[in-house]
């Protein structure tokens, strides 16, 4: 039989604030069978954050120069700071057959879907809270926001949750252990897709 190699998969993970996306991502990164995409940002490093590991920290002028040059798969301004995902870094891993995980909001995910260079590699997953009431309970349990801040987060969450049909997969959030198991099941299924296999004697398909 001919030997095969596999193209890389771009796993895009989105969830409303408070749905457990950060905890899920941290747990997934403990098993290094993919590369976690490190975003660029113009905000200042927080205590304990490391350049190149938590974020690529860029000056605002440098970020905007790169955005103008089309170097980001997606980028956005949030609370006066820019955040973005470097295109070349992601494509380099995908072309080498390495899977990439990005956690991003619904707007960023929409921008990535429109990029033809990663269309074949994309597997996007939305983590859906069971309900807004349950999400509110989780936010209050954290004890890090005021009632007004929680109200804003819930309004934003409602808008994000309405876009779940845009994603290939939706996971109804339960316990963290169950969410990890479900996300890992998605990863396994995507890795077995026939269209991702390339016989060694064939040239790679042009992603464009």
N, C-alpha and C. Protein backbone atom coordinates (compact mmCIF):
# COMPACT_ATOMS: atom_id res chain seq x y z
N UNK A 1 0.84 -1.21 0.00
CA UNK A 1 0.00 0.00 0.00
C UNK A 1 0.87 1.25 0.00
N UNK A 2 0.34 2.30 -0.63
CA UNK A 2 1.07 3.56 -0.63
C UNK A 2 1.04 4.16 0.77
N UNK A 3 2.12 4.82 1.13
CA UNK A 3 2.12 5.52 2.41
C UNK A 3 1.48 6.89 2.23
N UNK A 4 0.93 7.41 3.30
CA UNK A 4 0.21 8.67 3.26
C UNK A 4 0.80 9.66 4.25
N UNK A 5 0.55 10.90 3.98
CA UNK A 5 0.78 11.94 4.98
C UNK A 5 -0.51 12.73 5.10
N UNK A 6 -0.63 13.49 6.15
CA UNK A 6 -1.88 14.22 6.41
C UNK A 6 -1.62 15.71 6.42
N UNK A 7 -2.56 16.46 5.87
CA UNK A 7 -2.46 17.91 5.93
C UNK A 7 -2.84 18.39 7.33
N UNK A 8 -2.35 19.57 7.72
CA UNK A 8 -2.67 20.11 9.03
C UNK A 8 -4.10 20.62 9.10
N UNK A 9 -4.65 20.62 10.29
CA UNK A 9 -6.03 21.07 10.53
C UNK A 9 -5.99 22.34 11.38
N UNK A 10 -6.80 23.30 11.01
CA UNK A 10 -6.91 24.54 11.78
C UNK A 10 -8.17 24.46 12.65
N UNK A 11 -7.99 24.15 13.92
CA UNK A 11 -9.10 24.09 14.86
C UNK A 11 -9.35 25.49 15.44
N UNK A 12 -10.54 26.01 15.18
CA UNK A 12 -10.93 27.33 15.68
C UNK A 12 -11.98 27.13 16.76
N UNK A 13 -11.69 27.63 17.95
CA UNK A 13 -12.57 27.44 19.11
C UNK A 13 -13.13 28.78 19.56
N UNK A 14 -14.44 28.86 19.66
CA UNK A 14 -15.11 30.08 20.14
C UNK A 14 -16.09 29.74 21.24
N UNK A 15 -16.28 30.70 22.15
CA UNK A 15 -17.26 30.53 23.23
C UNK A 15 -17.50 31.90 23.86
N UNK A 16 -18.70 32.13 24.40
CA UNK A 16 -18.93 33.38 25.13
C UNK A 16 -18.08 33.43 26.39
N UNK A 17 -17.83 34.64 26.86
CA UNK A 17 -17.09 34.81 28.10
C UNK A 17 -17.83 34.12 29.25
N UNK A 18 -17.07 33.30 30.00
CA UNK A 18 -17.67 32.58 31.11
C UNK A 18 -18.07 31.16 30.78
N UNK A 19 -17.95 30.78 29.50
CA UNK A 19 -18.35 29.43 29.10
C UNK A 19 -17.25 28.41 29.33
N UNK A 20 -16.07 28.87 29.75
CA UNK A 20 -15.00 27.93 30.06
C UNK A 20 -13.97 27.74 28.97
N UNK A 21 -13.94 28.65 27.99
CA UNK A 21 -13.02 28.50 26.86
C UNK A 21 -11.56 28.53 27.30
N UNK A 22 -11.21 29.45 28.19
CA UNK A 22 -9.82 29.58 28.63
C UNK A 22 -9.36 28.32 29.37
N UNK A 23 -10.21 27.82 30.26
CA UNK A 23 -9.88 26.61 31.01
C UNK A 23 -9.77 25.42 30.06
N UNK A 24 -10.68 25.33 29.09
CA UNK A 24 -10.65 24.25 28.12
C UNK A 24 -9.36 24.30 27.30
N UNK A 25 -9.00 25.49 26.83
CA UNK A 25 -7.79 25.64 26.03
C UNK A 25 -6.55 25.27 26.83
N UNK A 26 -6.50 25.71 28.09
CA UNK A 26 -5.36 25.39 28.95
C UNK A 26 -5.22 23.89 29.14
N UNK A 27 -6.34 23.20 29.32
CA UNK A 27 -6.32 21.75 29.49
C UNK A 27 -5.89 21.04 28.21
N UNK A 28 -6.38 21.51 27.07
CA UNK A 28 -6.01 20.90 25.80
C UNK A 28 -4.52 21.04 25.51
N UNK A 29 -3.94 22.17 25.93
CA UNK A 29 -2.52 22.42 25.65
C UNK A 29 -1.59 21.51 26.45
N UNK A 30 -2.12 20.82 27.46
CA UNK A 30 -1.28 19.91 28.23
C UNK A 30 -0.89 18.68 27.42
N UNK A 31 -1.66 18.38 26.39
CA UNK A 31 -1.35 17.26 25.50
C UNK A 31 -0.86 17.85 24.18
N UNK A 32 0.44 17.91 23.96
CA UNK A 32 1.00 18.68 22.84
C UNK A 32 0.91 17.95 21.49
N UNK A 33 -0.32 17.64 21.05
CA UNK A 33 -0.47 17.02 19.73
C UNK A 33 -0.95 18.04 18.70
N UNK A 34 -0.80 19.31 19.01
CA UNK A 34 -1.10 20.40 18.09
C UNK A 34 -0.28 21.61 18.54
N UNK A 35 -0.27 22.64 17.69
CA UNK A 35 0.40 23.90 18.03
C UNK A 35 -0.67 24.91 18.41
N UNK A 36 -0.49 25.58 19.52
CA UNK A 36 -1.42 26.64 19.92
C UNK A 36 -0.96 27.95 19.29
N UNK A 37 -1.84 28.57 18.54
CA UNK A 37 -1.49 29.82 17.85
C UNK A 37 -1.40 30.97 18.85
N UNK A 38 -0.24 31.59 18.91
CA UNK A 38 -0.01 32.72 19.81
C UNK A 38 -0.37 34.01 19.07
N UNK A 39 -1.32 34.75 19.60
CA UNK A 39 -1.79 35.98 18.95
C UNK A 39 -0.83 37.13 19.16
N UNK A 40 -0.94 38.11 18.28
CA UNK A 40 -0.24 39.38 18.46
C UNK A 40 -1.17 40.36 19.15
N UNK A 41 -0.61 41.26 19.92
CA UNK A 41 -1.42 42.29 20.57
C UNK A 41 -0.60 43.55 20.78
N UNK A 42 -1.31 44.66 20.83
CA UNK A 42 -0.64 45.94 21.11
C UNK A 42 -0.75 46.34 22.58
N UNK A 43 -1.43 45.54 23.38
CA UNK A 43 -1.52 45.89 24.80
C UNK A 43 -0.22 45.54 25.51
N UNK A 44 -0.02 46.15 26.66
CA UNK A 44 1.20 45.90 27.44
C UNK A 44 1.12 44.53 28.10
N UNK A 45 2.26 43.86 28.29
CA UNK A 45 2.26 42.56 28.98
C UNK A 45 1.77 42.71 30.42
N UNK A 46 1.01 41.73 30.86
CA UNK A 46 0.59 41.69 32.25
C UNK A 46 1.62 40.92 33.06
N UNK A 47 1.62 41.08 34.37
CA UNK A 47 2.60 40.35 35.20
C UNK A 47 2.56 38.85 34.93
N UNK A 48 3.72 38.28 34.68
CA UNK A 48 3.82 36.85 34.44
C UNK A 48 3.69 36.43 32.99
N UNK A 49 3.29 37.34 32.10
CA UNK A 49 3.15 37.01 30.69
C UNK A 49 4.51 37.08 29.98
N UNK A 50 4.70 36.17 29.02
CA UNK A 50 5.97 36.06 28.31
C UNK A 50 5.77 36.31 26.83
N UNK A 51 6.62 37.15 26.26
CA UNK A 51 6.56 37.42 24.82
C UNK A 51 6.84 36.14 24.04
N UNK A 52 5.98 35.84 23.07
CA UNK A 52 6.16 34.66 22.25
C UNK A 52 5.49 33.42 22.81
N UNK A 53 5.08 33.47 24.07
CA UNK A 53 4.41 32.32 24.69
C UNK A 53 2.95 32.65 24.97
N UNK A 54 2.70 33.79 25.61
CA UNK A 54 1.33 34.21 25.86
C UNK A 54 0.81 35.05 24.69
N UNK A 55 1.60 36.00 24.26
CA UNK A 55 1.30 36.84 23.11
C UNK A 55 2.61 37.26 22.44
N UNK A 56 2.48 37.70 21.18
CA UNK A 56 3.54 38.46 20.55
C UNK A 56 3.18 39.93 20.80
N UNK A 57 3.95 40.60 21.63
CA UNK A 57 3.64 41.98 21.98
C UNK A 57 4.29 42.92 20.96
N UNK A 58 3.43 43.69 20.26
CA UNK A 58 3.89 44.57 19.19
C UNK A 58 3.53 46.01 19.49
N UNK A 59 4.37 46.92 19.01
CA UNK A 59 4.00 48.34 19.04
C UNK A 59 2.83 48.57 18.08
N UNK A 60 2.02 49.55 18.39
CA UNK A 60 0.82 49.80 17.58
C UNK A 60 1.17 50.06 16.11
N UNK A 61 2.21 50.85 15.87
CA UNK A 61 2.59 51.15 14.49
C UNK A 61 3.02 49.89 13.74
N UNK A 62 3.73 48.99 14.43
CA UNK A 62 4.15 47.73 13.81
C UNK A 62 2.96 46.84 13.51
N UNK A 63 2.00 46.78 14.43
CA UNK A 63 0.80 45.97 14.21
C UNK A 63 0.04 46.48 13.00
N UNK A 64 -0.18 47.79 12.93
CA UNK A 64 -0.95 48.36 11.82
C UNK A 64 -0.22 48.17 10.49
N UNK A 65 1.10 48.23 10.51
CA UNK A 65 1.88 48.00 9.29
C UNK A 65 1.66 46.58 8.80
N UNK A 66 1.67 45.63 9.72
CA UNK A 66 1.46 44.24 9.35
C UNK A 66 0.04 43.99 8.87
N UNK A 67 -0.92 44.66 9.50
CA UNK A 67 -2.31 44.53 9.07
C UNK A 67 -2.48 45.06 7.66
N UNK A 68 -1.88 46.20 7.38
CA UNK A 68 -1.96 46.80 6.04
C UNK A 68 -1.32 45.90 4.99
N UNK A 69 -0.29 45.16 5.40
CA UNK A 69 0.41 44.26 4.48
C UNK A 69 -0.29 42.91 4.33
N UNK A 70 -1.41 42.72 5.03
CA UNK A 70 -2.17 41.49 4.91
C UNK A 70 -1.54 40.31 5.63
N UNK A 71 -0.80 40.58 6.71
CA UNK A 71 -0.09 39.51 7.41
C UNK A 71 -0.94 38.78 8.44
N UNK A 72 -2.19 39.25 8.66
CA UNK A 72 -3.04 38.61 9.66
C UNK A 72 -4.17 37.82 9.00
N UNK A 73 -4.43 36.62 9.51
CA UNK A 73 -5.62 35.87 9.10
C UNK A 73 -6.87 36.61 9.57
N UNK A 74 -6.76 37.18 10.74
CA UNK A 74 -7.85 37.98 11.32
C UNK A 74 -7.25 38.93 12.33
N UNK A 75 -7.91 40.06 12.53
CA UNK A 75 -7.49 40.97 13.59
C UNK A 75 -8.67 41.87 13.96
N UNK A 76 -8.60 42.43 15.15
CA UNK A 76 -9.68 43.30 15.62
C UNK A 76 -9.14 44.22 16.70
N UNK A 77 -9.85 45.31 16.92
CA UNK A 77 -9.53 46.23 18.01
C UNK A 77 -10.51 45.97 19.15
N UNK A 78 -10.00 45.70 20.33
CA UNK A 78 -10.83 45.40 21.50
C UNK A 78 -10.39 46.29 22.66
N UNK A 79 -11.29 47.13 23.14
CA UNK A 79 -11.00 48.03 24.26
C UNK A 79 -9.73 48.85 24.01
N UNK A 80 -9.58 49.33 22.78
CA UNK A 80 -8.46 50.22 22.45
C UNK A 80 -7.17 49.53 22.08
N UNK A 81 -7.13 48.20 22.15
CA UNK A 81 -5.93 47.44 21.76
C UNK A 81 -6.26 46.51 20.60
N UNK A 82 -5.24 46.27 19.76
CA UNK A 82 -5.42 45.37 18.63
C UNK A 82 -4.94 43.96 18.97
N UNK A 83 -5.64 42.99 18.38
CA UNK A 83 -5.27 41.58 18.52
C UNK A 83 -5.35 40.95 17.13
N UNK A 84 -4.44 40.04 16.83
CA UNK A 84 -4.47 39.41 15.52
C UNK A 84 -3.71 38.10 15.47
N UNK A 85 -4.03 37.29 14.45
CA UNK A 85 -3.40 35.99 14.23
C UNK A 85 -2.52 36.05 12.99
N UNK A 86 -1.25 35.75 13.12
CA UNK A 86 -0.32 35.83 12.00
C UNK A 86 -0.59 34.74 10.98
N UNK A 87 -0.81 35.15 9.74
CA UNK A 87 -1.11 34.22 8.65
C UNK A 87 0.06 33.26 8.38
N UNK A 88 1.27 33.79 8.22
CA UNK A 88 2.42 32.96 7.84
C UNK A 88 2.71 31.88 8.87
N UNK A 89 2.54 32.22 10.13
CA UNK A 89 2.82 31.27 11.21
C UNK A 89 1.85 30.09 11.15
N UNK A 90 0.58 30.37 10.92
CA UNK A 90 -0.42 29.31 10.83
C UNK A 90 -0.20 28.45 9.59
N UNK A 91 0.01 29.09 8.43
CA UNK A 91 0.18 28.35 7.18
C UNK A 91 1.42 27.46 7.21
N UNK A 92 2.47 27.92 7.85
CA UNK A 92 3.71 27.15 7.94
C UNK A 92 3.44 25.81 8.63
N UNK A 93 2.69 25.84 9.72
CA UNK A 93 2.38 24.61 10.43
C UNK A 93 1.44 23.71 9.63
N UNK A 94 0.41 24.30 9.03
CA UNK A 94 -0.55 23.50 8.27
C UNK A 94 0.12 22.79 7.10
N UNK A 95 1.00 23.50 6.40
CA UNK A 95 1.69 22.91 5.25
C UNK A 95 2.62 21.78 5.67
N UNK A 96 3.08 21.82 6.92
CA UNK A 96 3.96 20.77 7.44
C UNK A 96 3.16 19.60 8.02
N UNK A 97 1.83 19.67 7.95
CA UNK A 97 0.99 18.61 8.49
C UNK A 97 0.77 18.70 9.98
N UNK A 98 1.01 19.88 10.56
CA UNK A 98 0.85 20.08 12.00
C UNK A 98 -0.48 20.79 12.26
N UNK A 99 -1.26 20.28 13.21
CA UNK A 99 -2.54 20.90 13.55
C UNK A 99 -2.32 22.15 14.40
N UNK A 100 -3.22 23.12 14.22
CA UNK A 100 -3.13 24.40 14.92
C UNK A 100 -4.45 24.67 15.63
N UNK A 101 -4.37 25.15 16.88
CA UNK A 101 -5.56 25.54 17.64
C UNK A 101 -5.55 27.04 17.88
N UNK A 102 -6.67 27.67 17.56
CA UNK A 102 -6.86 29.10 17.81
C UNK A 102 -8.13 29.27 18.64
N UNK A 103 -8.07 30.01 19.74
CA UNK A 103 -9.30 30.38 20.43
C UNK A 103 -9.57 31.84 20.16
N UNK A 104 -10.78 32.12 19.70
CA UNK A 104 -11.08 33.44 19.15
C UNK A 104 -12.57 33.72 19.23
N UNK A 105 -12.96 34.99 19.13
CA UNK A 105 -14.38 35.32 19.20
C UNK A 105 -15.06 35.06 17.86
N UNK A 106 -16.38 35.27 17.83
CA UNK A 106 -17.16 34.94 16.64
C UNK A 106 -16.80 35.81 15.44
N UNK A 107 -16.43 37.08 15.67
CA UNK A 107 -16.04 37.95 14.57
C UNK A 107 -14.74 37.47 13.94
N UNK A 108 -13.77 37.10 14.78
CA UNK A 108 -12.51 36.59 14.27
C UNK A 108 -12.70 35.30 13.50
N UNK A 109 -13.56 34.43 14.01
CA UNK A 109 -13.84 33.17 13.32
C UNK A 109 -14.45 33.43 11.95
N UNK A 110 -15.33 34.42 11.86
CA UNK A 110 -15.95 34.76 10.58
C UNK A 110 -14.91 35.24 9.58
N UNK A 111 -13.95 36.02 10.03
CA UNK A 111 -12.88 36.50 9.15
C UNK A 111 -12.04 35.32 8.64
N UNK A 112 -11.74 34.37 9.52
CA UNK A 112 -10.94 33.22 9.12
C UNK A 112 -11.69 32.38 8.08
N UNK A 113 -13.01 32.23 8.24
CA UNK A 113 -13.79 31.45 7.26
C UNK A 113 -13.72 32.05 5.86
N UNK A 114 -13.55 33.36 5.79
CA UNK A 114 -13.53 34.01 4.48
C UNK A 114 -12.16 33.90 3.80
N UNK A 115 -11.17 33.35 4.49
CA UNK A 115 -9.82 33.29 3.94
C UNK A 115 -9.64 31.98 3.18
N UNK A 116 -9.49 32.07 1.86
CA UNK A 116 -9.40 30.88 1.01
C UNK A 116 -8.18 30.03 1.33
N UNK A 117 -7.13 30.63 1.86
CA UNK A 117 -5.88 29.90 2.11
C UNK A 117 -6.04 28.82 3.17
N UNK A 118 -7.04 28.96 4.06
CA UNK A 118 -7.22 27.98 5.14
C UNK A 118 -8.57 27.28 5.07
N UNK A 119 -9.31 27.48 3.99
CA UNK A 119 -10.67 26.94 3.90
C UNK A 119 -10.69 25.42 4.05
N UNK A 120 -9.78 24.72 3.37
CA UNK A 120 -9.76 23.26 3.44
C UNK A 120 -9.32 22.74 4.80
N UNK A 121 -8.52 23.52 5.50
CA UNK A 121 -7.96 23.09 6.78
C UNK A 121 -8.90 23.34 7.96
N UNK A 122 -9.90 24.20 7.76
CA UNK A 122 -10.69 24.71 8.88
C UNK A 122 -11.63 23.68 9.50
N UNK A 123 -11.63 23.63 10.84
CA UNK A 123 -12.63 22.88 11.62
C UNK A 123 -12.99 23.77 12.80
N UNK A 124 -14.12 24.46 12.71
CA UNK A 124 -14.49 25.43 13.75
C UNK A 124 -15.51 24.84 14.71
N UNK A 125 -15.32 25.16 15.99
CA UNK A 125 -16.11 24.57 17.07
C UNK A 125 -16.62 25.68 17.99
N UNK A 126 -17.91 25.65 18.29
CA UNK A 126 -18.50 26.62 19.20
C UNK A 126 -18.90 25.91 20.50
N UNK A 127 -18.47 26.47 21.63
CA UNK A 127 -18.86 25.95 22.94
C UNK A 127 -20.10 26.72 23.41
N UNK A 128 -21.21 26.03 23.47
CA UNK A 128 -22.49 26.66 23.79
C UNK A 128 -22.87 26.41 25.25
N UNK A 129 -23.01 27.47 26.05
CA UNK A 129 -23.53 27.27 27.42
C UNK A 129 -24.94 26.68 27.36
N UNK A 130 -25.33 25.89 28.36
CA UNK A 130 -26.67 25.29 28.35
C UNK A 130 -27.78 26.34 28.26
N UNK A 131 -27.55 27.49 28.87
CA UNK A 131 -28.53 28.57 28.85
C UNK A 131 -27.85 29.85 29.33
N UNK A 132 -28.52 30.99 29.11
CA UNK A 132 -27.99 32.25 29.62
C UNK A 132 -28.03 32.27 31.15
N UNK A 133 -29.04 31.63 31.73
CA UNK A 133 -29.12 31.58 33.19
C UNK A 133 -27.92 30.84 33.77
N UNK A 134 -27.54 29.73 33.14
CA UNK A 134 -26.38 28.97 33.62
C UNK A 134 -25.10 29.77 33.42
N UNK A 135 -25.01 30.50 32.30
CA UNK A 135 -23.84 31.33 32.06
C UNK A 135 -23.74 32.43 33.11
N UNK A 136 -24.87 33.05 33.45
CA UNK A 136 -24.90 34.07 34.49
C UNK A 136 -24.44 33.49 35.83
N UNK A 137 -24.88 32.27 36.12
CA UNK A 137 -24.46 31.62 37.37
C UNK A 137 -22.95 31.43 37.40
N UNK A 138 -22.37 30.99 36.28
CA UNK A 138 -20.93 30.77 36.20
C UNK A 138 -20.16 32.08 36.35
N UNK A 139 -20.68 33.14 35.73
CA UNK A 139 -20.01 34.44 35.83
C UNK A 139 -20.03 34.98 37.26
N UNK A 140 -21.18 34.83 37.92
CA UNK A 140 -21.27 35.30 39.31
C UNK A 140 -20.38 34.48 40.23
N UNK A 141 -20.26 33.18 39.93
CA UNK A 141 -19.43 32.30 40.74
C UNK A 141 -17.96 32.72 40.68
N UNK A 142 -17.53 33.26 39.54
CA UNK A 142 -16.13 33.70 39.41
C UNK A 142 -15.82 34.83 40.37
N UNK A 143 -16.81 35.70 40.60
CA UNK A 143 -16.64 36.81 41.53
C UNK A 143 -15.64 37.86 41.09
N UNK A 144 -15.44 38.00 39.78
CA UNK A 144 -14.45 38.96 39.28
C UNK A 144 -15.09 40.18 38.61
N UNK A 145 -16.43 40.17 38.44
CA UNK A 145 -17.10 41.28 37.77
C UNK A 145 -18.26 41.79 38.60
N UNK A 146 -18.57 43.07 38.40
CA UNK A 146 -19.73 43.66 39.05
C UNK A 146 -21.00 43.21 38.32
N UNK A 147 -22.15 43.52 38.91
CA UNK A 147 -23.42 43.17 38.26
C UNK A 147 -23.56 43.84 36.90
N UNK A 148 -23.11 45.10 36.80
CA UNK A 148 -23.19 45.81 35.52
C UNK A 148 -22.28 45.14 34.48
N UNK A 149 -21.10 44.73 34.89
CA UNK A 149 -20.18 44.07 33.96
C UNK A 149 -20.74 42.72 33.52
N UNK A 150 -21.35 42.01 34.45
CA UNK A 150 -21.96 40.73 34.09
C UNK A 150 -23.10 40.94 33.10
N UNK A 151 -23.87 41.99 33.30
CA UNK A 151 -24.98 42.28 32.39
C UNK A 151 -24.47 42.53 30.97
N UNK A 152 -23.35 43.26 30.86
CA UNK A 152 -22.74 43.52 29.55
C UNK A 152 -22.27 42.21 28.92
N UNK A 153 -21.60 41.37 29.70
CA UNK A 153 -21.11 40.10 29.20
C UNK A 153 -22.26 39.20 28.73
N UNK A 154 -23.37 39.23 29.45
CA UNK A 154 -24.52 38.41 29.06
C UNK A 154 -25.14 38.90 27.76
N UNK A 155 -25.19 40.23 27.57
CA UNK A 155 -25.71 40.77 26.30
C UNK A 155 -24.82 40.34 25.15
N UNK A 156 -23.50 40.45 25.36
CA UNK A 156 -22.56 40.03 24.32
C UNK A 156 -22.67 38.53 24.06
N UNK A 157 -22.82 37.77 25.14
CA UNK A 157 -22.93 36.32 25.00
C UNK A 157 -24.16 35.93 24.20
N UNK A 158 -25.27 36.61 24.44
CA UNK A 158 -26.50 36.31 23.71
C UNK A 158 -26.30 36.51 22.22
N UNK A 159 -25.61 37.59 21.84
CA UNK A 159 -25.34 37.85 20.42
C UNK A 159 -24.43 36.77 19.84
N UNK A 160 -23.40 36.37 20.61
CA UNK A 160 -22.47 35.33 20.12
C UNK A 160 -23.17 33.98 20.00
N UNK A 161 -24.00 33.64 20.97
CA UNK A 161 -24.68 32.34 20.96
C UNK A 161 -25.64 32.22 19.78
N UNK A 162 -26.14 33.34 19.28
CA UNK A 162 -27.06 33.30 18.14
C UNK A 162 -26.35 32.89 16.85
N UNK A 163 -25.01 32.85 16.87
CA UNK A 163 -24.25 32.54 15.66
C UNK A 163 -23.73 31.10 15.64
N UNK A 164 -24.25 30.25 16.50
CA UNK A 164 -23.72 28.89 16.61
C UNK A 164 -23.84 28.10 15.31
N UNK A 165 -24.84 28.40 14.49
CA UNK A 165 -25.02 27.65 13.25
C UNK A 165 -23.91 27.93 12.23
N UNK A 166 -23.14 28.99 12.44
CA UNK A 166 -22.04 29.29 11.52
C UNK A 166 -20.88 28.30 11.68
N UNK A 167 -20.88 27.56 12.77
CA UNK A 167 -19.77 26.65 13.08
C UNK A 167 -20.07 25.24 12.60
N UNK A 168 -19.03 24.51 12.23
CA UNK A 168 -19.19 23.13 11.80
C UNK A 168 -19.64 22.25 12.96
N UNK A 169 -19.13 22.55 14.16
CA UNK A 169 -19.47 21.76 15.35
C UNK A 169 -19.94 22.69 16.47
N UNK A 170 -20.90 22.21 17.25
CA UNK A 170 -21.33 22.91 18.45
C UNK A 170 -21.34 21.91 19.61
N UNK A 171 -20.65 22.28 20.68
CA UNK A 171 -20.59 21.45 21.88
C UNK A 171 -21.41 22.13 22.98
N UNK A 172 -22.44 21.46 23.47
CA UNK A 172 -23.21 22.01 24.58
C UNK A 172 -22.39 21.78 25.85
N UNK A 173 -21.97 22.88 26.47
CA UNK A 173 -21.05 22.80 27.60
C UNK A 173 -21.70 22.14 28.82
N UNK A 174 -20.96 21.17 29.40
CA UNK A 174 -21.39 20.55 30.64
C UNK A 174 -20.26 20.70 31.65
N UNK A 175 -19.68 19.62 32.10
CA UNK A 175 -18.51 19.75 32.96
C UNK A 175 -17.28 19.94 32.08
N UNK A 176 -16.19 20.45 32.67
CA UNK A 176 -14.98 20.67 31.91
C UNK A 176 -14.45 19.35 31.34
N UNK A 177 -14.53 18.27 32.14
CA UNK A 177 -14.05 16.97 31.67
C UNK A 177 -14.83 16.51 30.44
N UNK A 178 -16.16 16.70 30.46
CA UNK A 178 -16.98 16.30 29.32
C UNK A 178 -16.70 17.17 28.11
N UNK A 179 -16.49 18.47 28.32
CA UNK A 179 -16.18 19.37 27.20
C UNK A 179 -14.87 18.96 26.53
N UNK A 180 -13.87 18.61 27.32
CA UNK A 180 -12.59 18.18 26.77
C UNK A 180 -12.77 16.89 25.97
N UNK A 181 -13.52 15.94 26.53
CA UNK A 181 -13.76 14.67 25.83
C UNK A 181 -14.45 14.90 24.49
N UNK A 182 -15.44 15.78 24.47
CA UNK A 182 -16.17 16.07 23.23
C UNK A 182 -15.27 16.77 22.21
N UNK A 183 -14.47 17.73 22.68
CA UNK A 183 -13.59 18.44 21.75
C UNK A 183 -12.55 17.48 21.18
N UNK A 184 -12.02 16.59 22.03
CA UNK A 184 -11.06 15.60 21.56
C UNK A 184 -11.69 14.66 20.54
N UNK A 185 -12.97 14.36 20.69
CA UNK A 185 -13.68 13.52 19.72
C UNK A 185 -13.75 14.21 18.37
N UNK A 186 -14.00 15.52 18.38
CA UNK A 186 -14.00 16.30 17.14
C UNK A 186 -12.63 16.25 16.49
N UNK A 187 -11.59 16.43 17.29
CA UNK A 187 -10.23 16.41 16.74
C UNK A 187 -9.92 15.06 16.10
N UNK A 188 -10.31 13.98 16.77
CA UNK A 188 -10.04 12.65 16.22
C UNK A 188 -10.78 12.44 14.91
N UNK A 189 -12.06 12.83 14.86
CA UNK A 189 -12.85 12.65 13.64
C UNK A 189 -12.25 13.43 12.48
N UNK A 190 -11.85 14.67 12.73
CA UNK A 190 -11.28 15.49 11.66
C UNK A 190 -9.97 14.89 11.14
N UNK A 191 -9.21 14.27 12.00
CA UNK A 191 -7.93 13.69 11.60
C UNK A 191 -8.09 12.43 10.75
N UNK A 192 -9.29 11.83 10.77
CA UNK A 192 -9.54 10.63 9.97
C UNK A 192 -10.22 10.93 8.64
N UNK A 193 -10.51 12.18 8.34
CA UNK A 193 -11.18 12.50 7.08
C UNK A 193 -10.31 12.08 5.90
N UNK A 194 -10.91 11.38 4.96
CA UNK A 194 -10.16 10.90 3.79
C UNK A 194 -9.54 12.04 3.00
N UNK A 195 -10.26 13.15 2.91
CA UNK A 195 -9.76 14.25 2.08
C UNK A 195 -8.51 14.90 2.65
N UNK A 196 -8.19 14.62 3.91
CA UNK A 196 -6.98 15.20 4.49
C UNK A 196 -5.74 14.34 4.22
N UNK A 197 -5.93 13.15 3.66
CA UNK A 197 -4.80 12.26 3.39
C UNK A 197 -4.24 12.50 1.99
N UNK A 198 -2.93 12.51 1.88
CA UNK A 198 -2.24 12.70 0.60
C UNK A 198 -1.23 11.57 0.43
N UNK A 199 -1.36 10.77 -0.63
CA UNK A 199 -0.32 9.76 -0.89
C UNK A 199 1.04 10.44 -1.04
N UNK A 200 2.06 9.81 -0.54
CA UNK A 200 3.39 10.42 -0.52
C UNK A 200 3.88 10.81 -1.90
N UNK A 201 3.44 10.09 -2.94
CA UNK A 201 3.95 10.40 -4.28
C UNK A 201 3.22 11.59 -4.92
N UNK A 202 2.14 12.06 -4.29
CA UNK A 202 1.39 13.20 -4.84
C UNK A 202 1.91 14.50 -4.30
N UNK A 203 1.87 15.53 -5.14
CA UNK A 203 2.24 16.87 -4.69
C UNK A 203 1.11 17.43 -3.85
N UNK A 204 1.40 18.28 -2.87
CA UNK A 204 0.34 18.91 -2.06
C UNK A 204 -0.62 19.70 -2.92
N UNK A 205 -1.90 19.71 -2.54
CA UNK A 205 -2.89 20.51 -3.26
C UNK A 205 -2.71 21.99 -2.96
N UNK A 206 -2.95 22.79 -3.99
CA UNK A 206 -2.84 24.24 -3.82
C UNK A 206 -4.01 24.71 -2.98
N UNK A 207 -3.76 25.29 -1.77
CA UNK A 207 -4.88 25.70 -0.91
C UNK A 207 -5.73 26.79 -1.50
N UNK A 208 -5.18 27.54 -2.50
CA UNK A 208 -5.95 28.59 -3.14
C UNK A 208 -6.88 28.02 -4.19
